Amino acid sequence: MNKLYACFLSIVLFSTLALAQNDPAAKKVLDAVGAKVKASKGISATCTLNSFTSKGKPNGTQNITLQMKGEKYQLKQGKTEIICDGSNVYRYDGEKTITKSAVEEGAQTLSPQKLLSGAYDKDFTYKLVSSKTAFYEIEMKPIDNRKNFQRVNLFIDKVKNTFSRARILDKSNNVTEVKISNLNLNAVVADKMFVFNKAKYPKDVEILD
């Protein structure tokens, strides 16, 4: 769950230098992606996370479902769950602990909104490194060196203008590959899905905040 959280939850930073440092070709691609996500009233997707050690050895696979609406989202992987209601993030470890934190407290990590929307100007420098295949490959590096990852390579479908997969390199040179399948930008997502309800968890669950 910590690995999942480290790949997906919130970046909130400020930078006035990002636009001057970024590649206009990459920005054009990302803006097209962002426009489709912003126009969506609901998003659902199935994601697969494959992790590898710094030596390239496989280190586990996770299958995740994502529901998203605006600034709210729900991530599920087996019994574990993350709910963001737009203000707070609740992380259930699948056993007896729920950790609550404010959205802005997750400033070292990547949120689903960031990963899908293409709105990276305040947080990354980026450049288009390849357009030879059916995908645009965009390399992004965080402006803030305190982030827990050093580089993200995004692969954008040229025809659909949607995010397809990503490769995340962390500070220890471990790699997490994120692949999104069954992406639906017109999903009907109920608001109640993003409301934290302690009653649906085990009675002895502990909430830490």
N, C-alpha and C. Protein backbone atom coordinates (compact mmCIF):
# COMPACT_ATOMS: atom_id res chain seq x y z
N MET A 1 0.82 -1.21 0.00
CA MET A 1 0.00 0.00 0.00
C MET A 1 0.86 1.26 0.00
N ASN A 2 2.01 1.22 0.70
CA ASN A 2 2.89 2.38 0.71
C ASN A 2 3.42 2.67 -0.68
N LYS A 3 3.74 1.59 -1.43
CA LYS A 3 4.23 1.77 -2.80
C LYS A 3 3.14 2.37 -3.67
N LEU A 4 1.92 1.87 -3.51
CA LEU A 4 0.80 2.40 -4.27
C LEU A 4 0.60 3.87 -3.95
N TYR A 5 0.63 4.20 -2.66
CA TYR A 5 0.42 5.59 -2.25
C TYR A 5 1.52 6.48 -2.79
N ALA A 6 2.77 5.97 -2.75
CA ALA A 6 3.90 6.75 -3.23
C ALA A 6 3.80 7.04 -4.72
N CYS A 7 3.13 6.17 -5.47
CA CYS A 7 2.99 6.39 -6.90
C CYS A 7 1.87 7.35 -7.23
N PHE A 8 0.86 7.46 -6.38
CA PHE A 8 -0.34 8.13 -6.81
C PHE A 8 -0.78 9.37 -6.05
N LEU A 9 -0.32 9.63 -4.87
CA LEU A 9 -1.01 10.70 -4.13
C LEU A 9 -0.26 12.03 -4.08
N SER A 10 -0.91 13.07 -3.94
CA SER A 10 -0.91 14.49 -4.23
C SER A 10 0.41 15.25 -4.34
N ILE A 11 0.54 16.08 -5.39
CA ILE A 11 1.62 17.06 -5.50
C ILE A 11 0.98 18.45 -5.47
N VAL A 12 1.38 19.27 -4.52
CA VAL A 12 0.89 20.65 -4.51
C VAL A 12 2.09 21.56 -4.30
N LEU A 13 2.59 22.19 -5.36
CA LEU A 13 3.79 23.03 -5.29
C LEU A 13 3.59 24.31 -6.10
N PHE A 14 4.51 25.23 -5.95
CA PHE A 14 4.48 26.45 -6.74
C PHE A 14 5.83 26.65 -7.42
N SER A 15 5.80 27.10 -8.69
CA SER A 15 7.03 27.40 -9.40
C SER A 15 6.74 28.39 -10.51
N THR A 16 7.55 29.41 -10.63
CA THR A 16 7.40 30.38 -11.71
C THR A 16 8.37 30.09 -12.85
N LEU A 17 9.21 29.07 -12.69
CA LEU A 17 10.23 28.78 -13.68
C LEU A 17 9.84 27.70 -14.67
N ALA A 18 8.83 26.92 -14.35
CA ALA A 18 8.54 25.72 -15.12
C ALA A 18 8.26 25.99 -16.59
N LEU A 19 7.44 26.99 -16.88
CA LEU A 19 7.06 27.22 -18.27
C LEU A 19 8.26 27.59 -19.13
N ALA A 20 9.20 28.31 -18.57
CA ALA A 20 10.36 28.72 -19.34
C ALA A 20 11.29 27.55 -19.64
N GLN A 21 11.23 26.51 -18.85
CA GLN A 21 12.14 25.39 -18.98
C GLN A 21 11.55 24.25 -19.81
N ASN A 22 10.28 24.31 -20.15
CA ASN A 22 9.62 23.16 -20.75
C ASN A 22 9.58 23.19 -22.27
N ASP A 23 9.43 22.01 -22.84
CA ASP A 23 9.43 21.79 -24.27
C ASP A 23 8.05 22.09 -24.84
N PRO A 24 7.91 23.05 -25.76
CA PRO A 24 6.61 23.39 -26.33
C PRO A 24 5.92 22.20 -27.01
N ALA A 25 6.70 21.31 -27.63
CA ALA A 25 6.11 20.14 -28.28
C ALA A 25 5.45 19.22 -27.26
N ALA A 26 6.12 19.04 -26.11
CA ALA A 26 5.56 18.21 -25.05
C ALA A 26 4.32 18.88 -24.45
N LYS A 27 4.38 20.20 -24.29
CA LYS A 27 3.24 20.92 -23.71
C LYS A 27 2.00 20.79 -24.59
N LYS A 28 2.18 20.81 -25.89
CA LYS A 28 1.05 20.66 -26.81
C LYS A 28 0.36 19.32 -26.62
N VAL A 29 1.15 18.26 -26.46
CA VAL A 29 0.59 16.92 -26.24
C VAL A 29 -0.13 16.87 -24.90
N LEU A 30 0.51 17.38 -23.86
CA LEU A 30 -0.08 17.33 -22.52
C LEU A 30 -1.34 18.18 -22.42
N ASP A 31 -1.37 19.31 -23.11
CA ASP A 31 -2.57 20.14 -23.09
C ASP A 31 -3.76 19.42 -23.72
N ALA A 32 -3.50 18.65 -24.78
CA ALA A 32 -4.57 17.90 -25.44
C ALA A 32 -5.12 16.82 -24.51
N VAL A 33 -4.23 16.17 -23.76
CA VAL A 33 -4.65 15.17 -22.79
C VAL A 33 -5.48 15.83 -21.69
N GLY A 34 -4.96 16.94 -21.17
CA GLY A 34 -5.65 17.64 -20.09
C GLY A 34 -7.03 18.11 -20.47
N ALA A 35 -7.20 18.54 -21.70
CA ALA A 35 -8.50 19.03 -22.15
C ALA A 35 -9.55 17.92 -22.10
N LYS A 36 -9.17 16.70 -22.47
CA LYS A 36 -10.12 15.58 -22.44
C LYS A 36 -10.49 15.21 -21.01
N VAL A 37 -9.50 15.23 -20.11
CA VAL A 37 -9.78 14.88 -18.72
C VAL A 37 -10.66 15.94 -18.05
N LYS A 38 -10.35 17.21 -18.30
CA LYS A 38 -11.13 18.29 -17.70
C LYS A 38 -12.58 18.29 -18.18
N ALA A 39 -12.80 17.84 -19.42
CA ALA A 39 -14.15 17.81 -19.97
C ALA A 39 -14.96 16.63 -19.44
N SER A 40 -14.30 15.69 -18.83
CA SER A 40 -14.96 14.48 -18.35
C SER A 40 -15.71 14.74 -17.04
N LYS A 41 -16.91 14.17 -16.93
CA LYS A 41 -17.67 14.28 -15.69
C LYS A 41 -17.42 13.10 -14.76
N GLY A 42 -16.77 12.07 -15.26
CA GLY A 42 -16.43 10.91 -14.44
C GLY A 42 -15.45 10.02 -15.17
N ILE A 43 -14.52 9.43 -14.44
CA ILE A 43 -13.49 8.58 -15.04
C ILE A 43 -13.39 7.29 -14.26
N SER A 44 -13.29 6.19 -14.98
CA SER A 44 -13.00 4.91 -14.35
C SER A 44 -11.90 4.23 -15.15
N ALA A 45 -11.08 3.45 -14.46
CA ALA A 45 -9.98 2.78 -15.13
C ALA A 45 -9.51 1.60 -14.30
N THR A 46 -8.90 0.66 -14.99
CA THR A 46 -8.19 -0.44 -14.33
C THR A 46 -6.70 -0.23 -14.58
N CYS A 47 -5.93 -0.33 -13.52
CA CYS A 47 -4.49 -0.07 -13.62
C CYS A 47 -3.70 -1.28 -13.13
N THR A 48 -2.57 -1.51 -13.74
CA THR A 48 -1.64 -2.53 -13.29
C THR A 48 -0.31 -1.88 -12.95
N LEU A 49 0.20 -2.15 -11.74
CA LEU A 49 1.49 -1.64 -11.32
C LEU A 49 2.47 -2.80 -11.23
N ASN A 50 3.55 -2.72 -12.00
CA ASN A 50 4.63 -3.70 -11.92
C ASN A 50 5.87 -3.01 -11.39
N SER A 51 6.42 -3.55 -10.31
CA SER A 51 7.60 -2.93 -9.72
C SER A 51 8.84 -3.78 -9.94
N PHE A 52 9.98 -3.08 -10.06
CA PHE A 52 11.25 -3.74 -10.30
C PHE A 52 12.32 -3.11 -9.41
N THR A 53 13.26 -3.94 -8.95
CA THR A 53 14.36 -3.43 -8.15
C THR A 53 15.33 -2.65 -9.03
N SER A 54 16.29 -2.00 -8.41
CA SER A 54 17.28 -1.23 -9.16
C SER A 54 18.11 -2.10 -10.09
N LYS A 55 18.12 -3.40 -9.84
CA LYS A 55 18.86 -4.34 -10.69
C LYS A 55 17.97 -4.98 -11.76
N GLY A 56 16.72 -4.52 -11.84
CA GLY A 56 15.80 -5.02 -12.86
C GLY A 56 15.04 -6.26 -12.48
N LYS A 57 15.14 -6.70 -11.23
CA LYS A 57 14.44 -7.90 -10.79
C LYS A 57 12.98 -7.58 -10.47
N PRO A 58 12.03 -8.37 -10.99
CA PRO A 58 10.61 -8.13 -10.68
C PRO A 58 10.36 -8.14 -9.17
N ASN A 59 9.54 -7.21 -8.72
CA ASN A 59 9.33 -7.05 -7.28
C ASN A 59 7.84 -6.98 -6.93
N GLY A 60 7.00 -7.56 -7.79
CA GLY A 60 5.58 -7.61 -7.45
C GLY A 60 4.69 -6.89 -8.44
N THR A 61 3.44 -7.32 -8.47
CA THR A 61 2.43 -6.73 -9.36
C THR A 61 1.18 -6.43 -8.55
N GLN A 62 0.57 -5.31 -8.83
CA GLN A 62 -0.68 -4.93 -8.18
C GLN A 62 -1.69 -4.53 -9.24
N ASN A 63 -2.93 -5.01 -9.09
CA ASN A 63 -4.03 -4.60 -9.96
C ASN A 63 -4.92 -3.64 -9.19
N ILE A 64 -5.21 -2.52 -9.79
CA ILE A 64 -5.88 -1.43 -9.10
C ILE A 64 -7.07 -0.95 -9.93
N THR A 65 -8.15 -0.59 -9.24
CA THR A 65 -9.26 0.08 -9.92
C THR A 65 -9.32 1.52 -9.46
N LEU A 66 -9.63 2.40 -10.38
CA LEU A 66 -9.68 3.83 -10.11
C LEU A 66 -11.03 4.39 -10.52
N GLN A 67 -11.63 5.19 -9.63
CA GLN A 67 -12.81 5.98 -9.95
C GLN A 67 -12.45 7.43 -9.62
N MET A 68 -12.75 8.34 -10.52
CA MET A 68 -12.33 9.73 -10.31
C MET A 68 -13.40 10.69 -10.81
N LYS A 69 -13.56 11.78 -10.08
CA LYS A 69 -14.52 12.82 -10.46
C LYS A 69 -13.99 14.15 -9.94
N GLY A 70 -13.49 14.99 -10.84
CA GLY A 70 -12.91 16.24 -10.41
C GLY A 70 -11.69 16.00 -9.54
N GLU A 71 -11.70 16.57 -8.34
CA GLU A 71 -10.58 16.43 -7.40
C GLU A 71 -10.76 15.24 -6.47
N LYS A 72 -11.80 14.46 -6.68
CA LYS A 72 -12.08 13.31 -5.81
C LYS A 72 -11.72 12.01 -6.52
N TYR A 73 -11.28 11.02 -5.74
CA TYR A 73 -10.98 9.74 -6.35
C TYR A 73 -11.05 8.61 -5.32
N GLN A 74 -11.14 7.40 -5.86
CA GLN A 74 -11.11 6.19 -5.04
C GLN A 74 -10.21 5.18 -5.75
N LEU A 75 -9.25 4.63 -5.01
CA LEU A 75 -8.36 3.60 -5.52
C LEU A 75 -8.54 2.34 -4.69
N LYS A 76 -8.67 1.19 -5.35
CA LYS A 76 -8.79 -0.08 -4.64
C LYS A 76 -7.80 -1.08 -5.18
N GLN A 77 -7.16 -1.80 -4.25
CA GLN A 77 -6.26 -2.90 -4.62
C GLN A 77 -6.46 -4.00 -3.59
N GLY A 78 -7.22 -5.03 -3.97
CA GLY A 78 -7.56 -6.07 -3.01
C GLY A 78 -8.38 -5.49 -1.87
N LYS A 79 -7.95 -5.71 -0.66
CA LYS A 79 -8.65 -5.19 0.52
C LYS A 79 -8.24 -3.76 0.86
N THR A 80 -7.16 -3.29 0.29
CA THR A 80 -6.70 -1.94 0.59
C THR A 80 -7.48 -0.92 -0.24
N GLU A 81 -7.53 0.30 0.28
CA GLU A 81 -8.35 1.31 -0.37
C GLU A 81 -7.84 2.71 -0.03
N ILE A 82 -7.95 3.60 -0.99
CA ILE A 82 -7.66 5.01 -0.77
C ILE A 82 -8.86 5.81 -1.26
N ILE A 83 -9.36 6.70 -0.41
CA ILE A 83 -10.46 7.58 -0.78
C ILE A 83 -10.01 9.02 -0.58
N CYS A 84 -10.22 9.84 -1.59
CA CYS A 84 -9.97 11.28 -1.46
C CYS A 84 -11.28 12.01 -1.72
N ASP A 85 -11.72 12.79 -0.75
CA ASP A 85 -12.98 13.52 -0.91
C ASP A 85 -12.75 14.95 -1.40
N GLY A 86 -11.52 15.24 -1.82
CA GLY A 86 -11.17 16.57 -2.30
C GLY A 86 -10.43 17.39 -1.28
N SER A 87 -10.65 17.08 0.01
CA SER A 87 -9.98 17.78 1.11
C SER A 87 -9.06 16.87 1.90
N ASN A 88 -9.54 15.64 2.15
CA ASN A 88 -8.78 14.67 2.93
C ASN A 88 -8.59 13.36 2.17
N VAL A 89 -7.52 12.65 2.52
CA VAL A 89 -7.23 11.34 1.94
C VAL A 89 -7.28 10.31 3.05
N TYR A 90 -8.02 9.22 2.84
CA TYR A 90 -8.15 8.13 3.80
C TYR A 90 -7.52 6.88 3.20
N ARG A 91 -6.54 6.32 3.87
CA ARG A 91 -5.85 5.13 3.39
C ARG A 91 -6.12 3.95 4.32
N TYR A 92 -6.82 2.97 3.82
CA TYR A 92 -7.13 1.77 4.60
C TYR A 92 -6.15 0.67 4.22
N ASP A 93 -5.47 0.10 5.21
CA ASP A 93 -4.42 -0.89 4.94
C ASP A 93 -4.95 -2.30 4.70
N GLY A 94 -6.28 -2.46 4.71
CA GLY A 94 -6.88 -3.76 4.47
C GLY A 94 -7.03 -4.60 5.71
N GLU A 95 -6.59 -4.07 6.84
CA GLU A 95 -6.67 -4.82 8.11
C GLU A 95 -7.36 -4.00 9.19
N LYS A 96 -6.59 -3.24 9.97
CA LYS A 96 -7.19 -2.55 11.11
C LYS A 96 -6.79 -1.09 11.24
N THR A 97 -6.20 -0.52 10.19
CA THR A 97 -5.74 0.85 10.31
C THR A 97 -6.17 1.70 9.12
N ILE A 98 -6.70 2.89 9.42
CA ILE A 98 -7.01 3.89 8.42
C ILE A 98 -6.21 5.14 8.76
N THR A 99 -5.44 5.63 7.81
CA THR A 99 -4.65 6.84 8.02
C THR A 99 -5.31 7.99 7.29
N LYS A 100 -5.59 9.07 8.01
CA LYS A 100 -6.22 10.25 7.43
C LYS A 100 -5.20 11.37 7.32
N SER A 101 -5.17 12.04 6.17
CA SER A 101 -4.29 13.18 6.00
C SER A 101 -4.94 14.19 5.07
N ALA A 102 -4.55 15.45 5.19
CA ALA A 102 -5.05 16.48 4.29
C ALA A 102 -4.40 16.30 2.92
N VAL A 103 -5.11 16.68 1.87
CA VAL A 103 -4.60 16.51 0.51
C VAL A 103 -3.22 17.13 0.34
N GLU A 104 -3.01 18.33 0.88
CA GLU A 104 -1.75 19.02 0.68
C GLU A 104 -0.58 18.37 1.41
N GLU A 105 -0.87 17.45 2.35
CA GLU A 105 0.21 16.78 3.08
C GLU A 105 0.90 15.73 2.23
N GLY A 106 0.30 15.34 1.12
CA GLY A 106 0.91 14.34 0.25
C GLY A 106 1.78 14.97 -0.82
N ALA A 107 2.51 16.01 -0.47
CA ALA A 107 3.21 16.81 -1.47
C ALA A 107 4.40 16.13 -2.13
N GLN A 108 4.78 14.95 -1.70
CA GLN A 108 5.94 14.30 -2.29
C GLN A 108 5.58 13.27 -3.36
N THR A 109 4.30 13.15 -3.67
CA THR A 109 3.88 12.03 -4.51
C THR A 109 2.98 12.46 -5.67
N LEU A 110 2.54 11.49 -6.45
CA LEU A 110 1.75 11.73 -7.66
C LEU A 110 0.29 11.37 -7.45
N SER A 111 -0.60 12.32 -7.73
CA SER A 111 -2.02 12.04 -7.62
C SER A 111 -2.56 11.50 -8.95
N PRO A 112 -3.68 10.79 -8.95
CA PRO A 112 -4.30 10.38 -10.21
C PRO A 112 -4.60 11.57 -11.11
N GLN A 113 -5.02 12.68 -10.51
CA GLN A 113 -5.31 13.86 -11.31
C GLN A 113 -4.08 14.32 -12.09
N LYS A 114 -2.93 14.36 -11.40
CA LYS A 114 -1.70 14.77 -12.07
C LYS A 114 -1.32 13.80 -13.17
N LEU A 115 -1.43 12.51 -12.87
CA LEU A 115 -0.99 11.50 -13.82
C LEU A 115 -1.85 11.50 -15.07
N LEU A 116 -3.15 11.76 -14.93
CA LEU A 116 -4.07 11.65 -16.05
C LEU A 116 -4.30 12.96 -16.80
N SER A 117 -4.19 14.09 -16.10
CA SER A 117 -4.67 15.34 -16.68
C SER A 117 -3.68 16.07 -17.56
N GLY A 118 -2.40 15.78 -17.40
CA GLY A 118 -1.39 16.49 -18.19
C GLY A 118 -1.09 17.88 -17.68
N ALA A 119 -1.58 18.24 -16.50
CA ALA A 119 -1.36 19.58 -15.94
C ALA A 119 -0.11 19.57 -15.07
N TYR A 120 1.05 19.69 -15.70
CA TYR A 120 2.31 19.49 -14.99
C TYR A 120 3.16 20.74 -14.83
N ASP A 121 2.69 21.89 -15.32
CA ASP A 121 3.54 23.07 -15.40
C ASP A 121 4.15 23.51 -14.07
N LYS A 122 3.40 23.38 -12.98
CA LYS A 122 3.87 23.89 -11.70
C LYS A 122 4.80 22.92 -10.99
N ASP A 123 4.87 21.68 -11.45
CA ASP A 123 5.57 20.66 -10.68
C ASP A 123 6.77 20.03 -11.38
N PHE A 124 6.81 20.11 -12.71
CA PHE A 124 7.84 19.39 -13.45
C PHE A 124 8.45 20.24 -14.56
N THR A 125 9.66 19.86 -14.93
CA THR A 125 10.17 20.21 -16.25
C THR A 125 9.92 18.99 -17.12
N TYR A 126 9.64 19.19 -18.38
CA TYR A 126 9.33 18.04 -19.23
C TYR A 126 9.76 18.29 -20.66
N LYS A 127 9.96 17.19 -21.37
CA LYS A 127 10.36 17.29 -22.78
C LYS A 127 9.85 16.07 -23.53
N LEU A 128 9.60 16.24 -24.82
CA LEU A 128 9.20 15.15 -25.70
C LEU A 128 10.46 14.42 -26.14
N VAL A 129 10.61 13.15 -25.76
CA VAL A 129 11.83 12.42 -26.08
C VAL A 129 11.66 11.47 -27.25
N SER A 130 10.40 11.14 -27.62
CA SER A 130 10.18 10.25 -28.75
C SER A 130 8.75 10.37 -29.26
N SER A 131 8.60 10.29 -30.58
CA SER A 131 7.28 10.24 -31.19
C SER A 131 7.29 9.26 -32.37
N LYS A 132 8.18 8.28 -32.31
CA LYS A 132 8.40 7.36 -33.43
C LYS A 132 7.41 6.20 -33.46
N THR A 133 6.77 5.91 -32.35
CA THR A 133 5.83 4.79 -32.30
C THR A 133 4.40 5.33 -32.27
N ALA A 134 3.46 4.50 -31.83
CA ALA A 134 2.07 4.94 -31.72
C ALA A 134 1.85 5.83 -30.50
N PHE A 135 2.93 6.06 -29.73
CA PHE A 135 2.81 6.85 -28.51
C PHE A 135 3.83 7.99 -28.50
N TYR A 136 3.42 9.11 -27.91
CA TYR A 136 4.37 10.15 -27.56
C TYR A 136 5.00 9.75 -26.22
N GLU A 137 6.32 9.83 -26.12
CA GLU A 137 6.98 9.59 -24.84
C GLU A 137 7.48 10.93 -24.30
N ILE A 138 7.03 11.27 -23.12
CA ILE A 138 7.41 12.54 -22.49
C ILE A 138 8.13 12.25 -21.18
N GLU A 139 9.31 12.82 -21.05
CA GLU A 139 10.10 12.63 -19.82
C GLU A 139 9.88 13.84 -18.90
N MET A 140 9.53 13.56 -17.65
CA MET A 140 9.28 14.62 -16.69
C MET A 140 10.19 14.45 -15.48
N LYS A 141 10.69 15.58 -14.98
CA LYS A 141 11.52 15.57 -13.78
C LYS A 141 10.95 16.58 -12.80
N PRO A 142 10.82 16.20 -11.52
CA PRO A 142 10.25 17.13 -10.54
C PRO A 142 11.15 18.33 -10.30
N ILE A 143 10.55 19.48 -10.18
CA ILE A 143 11.29 20.70 -9.89
C ILE A 143 11.85 20.66 -8.47
N ASP A 144 11.07 20.11 -7.55
CA ASP A 144 11.47 20.00 -6.15
C ASP A 144 12.25 18.70 -5.95
N ASN A 145 13.52 18.79 -5.59
CA ASN A 145 14.37 17.61 -5.41
C ASN A 145 13.98 16.77 -4.20
N ARG A 146 13.08 17.27 -3.38
CA ARG A 146 12.65 16.50 -2.20
C ARG A 146 11.63 15.43 -2.57
N LYS A 147 11.14 15.43 -3.80
CA LYS A 147 10.19 14.41 -4.21
C LYS A 147 10.80 13.02 -4.05
N ASN A 148 9.95 12.01 -3.84
CA ASN A 148 10.45 10.65 -3.62
C ASN A 148 10.69 9.89 -4.92
N PHE A 149 10.66 10.59 -6.05
CA PHE A 149 10.99 9.97 -7.33
C PHE A 149 11.85 10.96 -8.11
N GLN A 150 12.65 10.47 -9.03
CA GLN A 150 13.55 11.34 -9.79
C GLN A 150 13.14 11.57 -11.24
N ARG A 151 12.31 10.68 -11.77
CA ARG A 151 11.90 10.85 -13.16
C ARG A 151 10.63 10.05 -13.44
N VAL A 152 9.77 10.60 -14.32
CA VAL A 152 8.59 9.89 -14.79
C VAL A 152 8.55 9.98 -16.31
N ASN A 153 8.43 8.85 -16.97
CA ASN A 153 8.26 8.83 -18.42
C ASN A 153 6.81 8.46 -18.74
N LEU A 154 6.10 9.38 -19.39
CA LEU A 154 4.71 9.16 -19.76
C LEU A 154 4.60 8.72 -21.21
N PHE A 155 3.66 7.84 -21.48
CA PHE A 155 3.39 7.38 -22.85
C PHE A 155 1.94 7.74 -23.19
N ILE A 156 1.78 8.61 -24.20
CA ILE A 156 0.48 9.14 -24.56
C ILE A 156 0.05 8.58 -25.92
N ASP A 157 -1.14 8.01 -25.96
CA ASP A 157 -1.68 7.47 -27.21
C ASP A 157 -1.91 8.62 -28.20
N LYS A 158 -1.28 8.53 -29.39
CA LYS A 158 -1.36 9.60 -30.37
C LYS A 158 -2.78 9.81 -30.92
N VAL A 159 -3.50 8.73 -31.11
CA VAL A 159 -4.84 8.82 -31.70
C VAL A 159 -5.88 9.27 -30.68
N LYS A 160 -5.83 8.67 -29.49
CA LYS A 160 -6.86 8.93 -28.48
C LYS A 160 -6.56 10.15 -27.62
N ASN A 161 -5.30 10.63 -27.63
CA ASN A 161 -4.89 11.73 -26.75
C ASN A 161 -5.19 11.40 -25.28
N THR A 162 -4.84 10.18 -24.89
CA THR A 162 -5.04 9.77 -23.50
C THR A 162 -3.77 9.12 -22.97
N PHE A 163 -3.61 9.20 -21.67
CA PHE A 163 -2.49 8.57 -20.99
C PHE A 163 -2.63 7.06 -21.09
N SER A 164 -1.56 6.38 -21.46
CA SER A 164 -1.58 4.93 -21.61
C SER A 164 -0.78 4.23 -20.52
N ARG A 165 0.44 4.68 -20.29
CA ARG A 165 1.27 4.06 -19.26
C ARG A 165 2.35 5.02 -18.82
N ALA A 166 3.02 4.66 -17.74
CA ALA A 166 4.09 5.49 -17.20
C ALA A 166 5.17 4.61 -16.58
N ARG A 167 6.37 5.14 -16.58
CA ARG A 167 7.48 4.47 -15.90
C ARG A 167 8.05 5.44 -14.88
N ILE A 168 8.01 5.07 -13.60
CA ILE A 168 8.43 5.95 -12.51
C ILE A 168 9.73 5.43 -11.91
N LEU A 169 10.77 6.26 -11.89
CA LEU A 169 12.06 5.91 -11.31
C LEU A 169 12.20 6.62 -9.97
N ASP A 170 12.34 5.85 -8.88
CA ASP A 170 12.41 6.47 -7.57
C ASP A 170 13.86 6.83 -7.20
N LYS A 171 14.03 7.38 -6.00
CA LYS A 171 15.34 7.85 -5.58
C LYS A 171 16.34 6.72 -5.36
N SER A 172 15.85 5.49 -5.22
CA SER A 172 16.74 4.33 -5.04
C SER A 172 16.93 3.56 -6.34
N ASN A 173 16.51 4.15 -7.45
CA ASN A 173 16.61 3.54 -8.78
C ASN A 173 15.71 2.32 -8.96
N ASN A 174 14.71 2.18 -8.10
CA ASN A 174 13.68 1.18 -8.33
C ASN A 174 12.68 1.74 -9.34
N VAL A 175 12.04 0.86 -10.09
CA VAL A 175 11.13 1.30 -11.15
C VAL A 175 9.73 0.75 -10.90
N THR A 176 8.73 1.60 -11.08
CA THR A 176 7.34 1.17 -11.07
C THR A 176 6.74 1.51 -12.43
N GLU A 177 6.21 0.50 -13.09
CA GLU A 177 5.55 0.71 -14.37
C GLU A 177 4.03 0.68 -14.16
N VAL A 178 3.37 1.74 -14.57
CA VAL A 178 1.93 1.88 -14.41
C VAL A 178 1.28 1.76 -15.79
N LYS A 179 0.37 0.83 -15.94
CA LYS A 179 -0.35 0.67 -17.20
C LYS A 179 -1.83 0.79 -16.95
N ILE A 180 -2.49 1.65 -17.71
CA ILE A 180 -3.92 1.85 -17.56
C ILE A 180 -4.65 1.13 -18.68
N SER A 181 -5.65 0.34 -18.31
CA SER A 181 -6.48 -0.34 -19.29
C SER A 181 -7.94 -0.02 -18.99
N ASN A 182 -8.80 -0.23 -19.95
CA ASN A 182 -10.24 0.01 -19.78
C ASN A 182 -10.53 1.43 -19.28
N LEU A 183 -9.82 2.40 -19.82
CA LEU A 183 -10.03 3.79 -19.43
C LEU A 183 -11.34 4.32 -20.02
N ASN A 184 -12.22 4.79 -19.14
CA ASN A 184 -13.52 5.33 -19.55
C ASN A 184 -13.62 6.77 -19.07
N LEU A 185 -13.60 7.71 -20.01
CA LEU A 185 -13.67 9.13 -19.67
C LEU A 185 -15.10 9.64 -19.58
N ASN A 186 -16.06 8.74 -19.79
CA ASN A 186 -17.47 9.12 -19.71
C ASN A 186 -18.22 8.25 -18.70
N ALA A 187 -17.53 7.86 -17.66
CA ALA A 187 -18.12 6.99 -16.65
C ALA A 187 -19.12 7.74 -15.78
N VAL A 188 -20.17 7.05 -15.38
CA VAL A 188 -21.13 7.60 -14.42
C VAL A 188 -20.65 7.20 -13.02
N VAL A 189 -20.16 8.18 -12.29
CA VAL A 189 -19.56 7.92 -10.98
C VAL A 189 -20.38 8.63 -9.90
N ALA A 190 -20.91 7.87 -8.96
CA ALA A 190 -21.74 8.45 -7.90
C ALA A 190 -20.89 9.19 -6.87
N ASP A 191 -21.37 10.34 -6.40
CA ASP A 191 -20.63 11.14 -5.42
C ASP A 191 -20.40 10.39 -4.12
N LYS A 192 -21.33 9.50 -3.75
CA LYS A 192 -21.20 8.78 -2.48
C LYS A 192 -19.98 7.87 -2.45
N MET A 193 -19.42 7.58 -3.60
CA MET A 193 -18.23 6.73 -3.68
C MET A 193 -17.03 7.39 -3.01
N PHE A 194 -17.05 8.72 -2.90
CA PHE A 194 -15.92 9.46 -2.35
C PHE A 194 -16.17 9.95 -0.93
N VAL A 195 -17.24 9.47 -0.34
CA VAL A 195 -17.55 9.85 1.05
C VAL A 195 -17.02 8.77 1.99
N PHE A 196 -16.15 9.16 2.90
CA PHE A 196 -15.60 8.20 3.85
C PHE A 196 -16.67 7.79 4.86
N ASN A 197 -16.87 6.48 5.02
CA ASN A 197 -17.87 5.94 5.94
C ASN A 197 -17.22 4.87 6.80
N LYS A 198 -16.92 5.19 8.01
CA LYS A 198 -16.23 4.26 8.90
C LYS A 198 -17.00 2.96 9.10
N ALA A 199 -18.33 3.03 8.99
CA ALA A 199 -19.18 1.87 9.27
C ALA A 199 -18.93 0.70 8.32
N LYS A 200 -18.37 0.96 7.15
CA LYS A 200 -18.17 -0.13 6.19
C LYS A 200 -16.87 -0.89 6.43
N TYR A 201 -16.08 -0.43 7.40
CA TYR A 201 -14.82 -1.09 7.74
C TYR A 201 -14.99 -1.91 9.02
N PRO A 202 -14.03 -2.78 9.36
CA PRO A 202 -14.14 -3.58 10.59
C PRO A 202 -14.37 -2.69 11.83
N LYS A 203 -15.12 -3.20 12.79
CA LYS A 203 -15.48 -2.41 13.96
C LYS A 203 -14.27 -1.97 14.76
N ASP A 204 -13.19 -2.77 14.74
CA ASP A 204 -12.04 -2.45 15.55
C ASP A 204 -10.98 -1.63 14.78
N VAL A 205 -11.36 -1.09 13.63
CA VAL A 205 -10.39 -0.33 12.85
C VAL A 205 -9.99 0.94 13.58
N GLU A 206 -8.72 1.30 13.49
CA GLU A 206 -8.19 2.49 14.16
C GLU A 206 -7.94 3.57 13.12
N ILE A 207 -8.37 4.79 13.40
CA ILE A 207 -8.15 5.92 12.50
C ILE A 207 -7.02 6.78 13.05
N LEU A 208 -5.98 6.94 12.27
CA LEU A 208 -4.84 7.76 12.65
C LEU A 208 -4.83 9.03 11.81
N ASP A 209 -4.71 10.18 12.48
CA ASP A 209 -4.59 11.43 11.71
C ASP A 209 -3.64 12.38 12.40
